[in-house]
Amino acid sequence: METLKGGHIFLRALEPSDLDFLYNLENDESIWEVSNTTTPYSKYILKQYLENSHRDIYDVKQLRLVICKSKKDAVGFIDLFDFDPKHLRVGVGIVVFSEGNKRKGFASEALKLICEYAFSHLNVHQIFAGITEENEPSIQLFEKAGFEKSGFKKDWIFSEGKFKSEYFYQLIR
């Protein structure tokens, strides 16, 4: 069974050809809030990131995969972060970039694939995510995938001149 291939999408490692896609995504200020970004990235820095993306999750504690509809059609990224092999947990974040690719099941399928990968290959006990309280599409996505709301971080994120609270979600196996 291939854990990174689904019925409509597959997840793959970053390639040098992803530079422009990554550059556009990382410099889109509309997603800086969820990616905890505060400044733009240069192509030079992102090229260095791509050159080091082969490093093992046990070494760098993170893994970014590309969500693809076909070999040439990337729709977004899914990240594992804060990997903690001692406590058997890892965070997950996901972004589908264009409006035309949202609400088509790609994020749902990618989330299912990455969770199966984390449980079967990284042997984690739990996967967690933080979602701002007004991000209803992400809340629905994660709840549909079986994540349970287990905490609330009041005034956790400062964005656009105001504080936003964040829910803490967990999927425990």
Protein backbone atom coordinates (compact mmCIF):
# COMPACT_ATOMS: atom_id res chain seq x y z
CA MET A 1 0.00 0.00 0.00
CA GLU A 2 1.31 3.43 -0.92
CA THR A 3 0.62 5.86 1.92
CA LEU A 4 1.29 8.98 -0.15
CA LYS A 5 -0.99 8.20 -3.08
CA GLY A 6 -4.76 8.61 -3.04
CA GLY A 7 -7.56 8.35 -5.53
CA HIS A 8 -7.33 11.95 -6.79
CA ILE A 9 -4.03 13.34 -5.51
CA PHE A 10 -0.59 12.23 -4.41
CA LEU A 11 2.01 13.75 -2.11
CA ARG A 12 5.59 14.12 -3.25
CA ALA A 13 8.86 15.58 -2.07
CA LEU A 14 9.87 19.10 -3.06
CA GLU A 15 11.71 19.47 -6.36
CA PRO A 16 13.85 22.34 -7.70
CA SER A 17 11.06 23.01 -10.21
CA ASP A 18 8.78 23.98 -7.27
CA LEU A 19 10.70 27.22 -6.71
CA ASP A 20 8.19 29.57 -8.38
CA PHE A 21 5.19 27.85 -6.77
CA LEU A 22 6.86 28.00 -3.36
CA TYR A 23 7.88 31.63 -3.91
CA ASN A 24 4.31 32.66 -4.77
CA LEU A 25 2.87 30.78 -1.82
CA GLU A 26 5.36 31.95 0.80
CA ASN A 27 5.00 35.57 -0.31
CA ASP A 28 1.19 35.58 -0.31
CA GLU A 29 0.42 37.81 2.68
CA SER A 30 -3.10 36.38 2.98
CA ILE A 31 -1.66 33.16 4.44
CA TRP A 32 1.06 34.67 6.62
CA GLU A 33 -1.22 34.45 9.63
CA VAL A 34 -1.46 30.67 9.46
CA SER A 35 2.17 30.13 8.45
CA ASN A 36 3.47 32.44 11.19
CA THR A 37 5.35 34.48 8.57
CA THR A 38 6.08 38.17 8.97
CA THR A 39 8.41 38.98 6.07
CA PRO A 40 8.70 37.98 2.41
CA TYR A 41 11.12 35.27 1.28
CA SER A 42 13.62 35.76 -1.52
CA LYS A 43 14.02 33.20 -4.28
CA TYR A 44 17.61 32.79 -3.11
CA ILE A 45 16.53 31.71 0.40
CA LEU A 46 13.81 29.44 -0.99
CA LYS A 47 16.30 27.86 -3.40
CA GLN A 48 18.53 27.06 -0.43
CA TYR A 49 15.52 25.62 1.38
CA LEU A 50 14.74 23.39 -1.62
CA GLU A 51 18.37 22.24 -1.78
CA ASN A 52 18.13 21.11 1.86
CA SER A 53 14.59 19.71 1.72
CA HIS A 54 15.95 16.17 1.38
CA ARG A 55 17.08 16.19 5.01
CA ASP A 56 15.43 13.63 7.25
CA ILE A 57 12.47 14.54 9.47
CA TYR A 58 14.36 13.03 12.43
CA ASP A 59 17.10 15.60 11.81
CA VAL A 60 15.16 18.78 10.99
CA LYS A 61 11.87 17.89 12.78
CA GLN A 62 9.77 18.90 9.78
CA LEU A 63 8.68 17.65 6.38
CA ARG A 64 6.98 19.55 3.58
CA LEU A 65 5.26 17.65 0.77
CA VAL A 66 3.63 18.94 -2.39
CA ILE A 67 -0.04 18.10 -3.02
CA CYS A 68 -0.38 17.16 -6.70
CA LYS A 69 -3.28 16.34 -9.02
CA SER A 70 -0.85 15.16 -11.69
CA LYS A 71 2.91 15.20 -12.29
CA LYS A 72 2.77 18.81 -13.44
CA ASP A 73 -0.18 20.15 -11.45
CA ALA A 74 0.71 21.10 -7.86
CA VAL A 75 -2.21 22.47 -5.83
CA GLY A 76 -0.66 23.09 -2.43
CA PHE A 77 1.57 21.94 0.40
CA ILE A 78 1.13 19.84 3.50
CA ASP A 79 3.64 20.12 6.32
CA LEU A 80 4.58 18.04 9.29
CA PHE A 81 6.34 20.16 11.91
CA ASP A 82 7.54 20.06 15.52
CA PHE A 83 8.15 16.32 15.15
CA ASP A 84 8.89 14.91 18.58
CA PRO A 85 10.02 11.27 18.39
CA LYS A 86 10.35 11.03 22.18
CA HIS A 87 6.73 11.96 22.83
CA LEU A 88 5.52 10.46 19.51
CA ARG A 89 3.73 13.53 18.18
CA VAL A 90 3.85 15.84 15.18
CA GLY A 91 2.01 18.97 14.03
CA VAL A 92 0.32 19.27 10.66
CA GLY A 93 -0.49 22.25 8.47
CA ILE A 94 -2.01 22.40 5.02
CA VAL A 95 -2.63 24.96 2.31
CA VAL A 96 -4.34 24.63 -1.05
CA PHE A 97 -3.21 27.67 -2.97
CA SER A 98 -5.74 28.70 -5.61
CA GLU A 99 -9.46 29.26 -5.11
CA GLY A 100 -10.11 27.03 -8.12
CA ASN A 101 -8.61 24.05 -6.29
CA LYS A 102 -10.35 24.62 -2.94
CA ARG A 103 -13.44 22.68 -1.86
CA LYS A 104 -12.69 19.81 -4.26
CA GLY A 105 -11.56 17.27 -1.65
CA PHE A 106 -7.81 17.71 -2.27
CA ALA A 107 -7.09 18.96 1.26
CA SER A 108 -9.21 16.23 2.81
CA GLU A 109 -7.44 13.51 0.86
CA ALA A 110 -4.00 15.01 1.53
CA LEU A 111 -4.72 15.22 5.26
CA LYS A 112 -5.83 11.58 5.31
CA LEU A 113 -2.67 10.50 3.45
CA ILE A 114 -0.26 12.46 5.65
CA CYS A 115 -1.92 11.19 8.82
CA GLU A 116 -1.62 7.60 7.65
CA TYR A 117 2.02 8.27 6.76
CA ALA A 118 2.73 9.79 10.20
CA PHE A 119 1.06 6.93 12.06
CA SER A 120 2.53 4.11 9.99
CA HIS A 121 6.02 5.39 9.12
CA LEU A 122 6.85 7.80 11.95
CA ASN A 123 5.00 5.73 14.55
CA VAL A 124 3.51 8.79 16.20
CA HIS A 125 0.78 8.49 18.79
CA GLN A 126 -0.81 11.81 17.91
CA ILE A 127 -1.00 14.53 15.29
CA PHE A 128 -1.97 18.07 16.27
CA ALA A 129 -3.02 21.31 14.61
CA GLY A 130 -3.80 24.87 15.63
CA ILE A 131 -6.71 26.59 13.87
CA THR A 132 -7.95 30.13 14.45
CA GLU A 133 -11.51 30.19 15.71
CA GLU A 134 -12.91 31.98 12.64
CA ASN A 135 -11.31 29.57 10.13
CA GLU A 136 -14.46 27.52 9.63
CA PRO A 137 -13.27 25.67 6.48
CA SER A 138 -10.19 24.34 8.33
CA ILE A 139 -12.22 23.45 11.41
CA GLN A 140 -14.60 21.43 9.22
CA LEU A 141 -11.69 19.79 7.38
CA PHE A 142 -9.95 18.64 10.54
CA GLU A 143 -13.12 17.55 12.33
CA LYS A 144 -14.17 15.55 9.27
CA ALA A 145 -10.74 13.83 9.42
CA GLY A 146 -11.40 12.78 13.01
CA PHE A 147 -9.43 15.47 14.84
CA GLU A 148 -10.94 16.50 18.17
CA LYS A 149 -10.90 19.99 19.64
CA SER A 150 -9.01 19.62 22.89
CA GLY A 151 -7.96 23.13 23.80
CA PHE A 152 -8.41 26.86 23.33
CA LYS A 153 -5.63 29.45 23.22
CA LYS A 154 -7.18 32.84 23.96
CA ASP A 155 -5.74 35.84 22.06
CA TRP A 156 -2.99 33.54 20.72
CA ILE A 157 -2.27 35.18 17.35
CA PHE A 158 -1.85 38.89 16.70
CA SER A 159 -2.80 39.64 13.11
CA GLU A 160 -4.07 42.69 11.25
CA GLY A 161 -4.08 44.79 14.42
CA LYS A 162 -6.12 42.42 16.58
CA PHE A 163 -5.78 39.27 18.61
CA LYS A 164 -7.29 36.00 17.42
CA SER A 165 -7.92 32.92 19.47
CA GLU A 166 -6.89 29.49 18.32
CA TYR A 167 -8.32 26.02 18.84
CA PHE A 168 -5.97 23.11 19.48
CA TYR A 169 -6.94 19.91 17.64
CA GLN A 170 -5.58 16.39 18.11
CA LEU A 171 -5.90 13.08 16.34
CA ILE A 172 -4.78 10.33 18.71
CA ARG A 173 -4.31 6.73 17.70
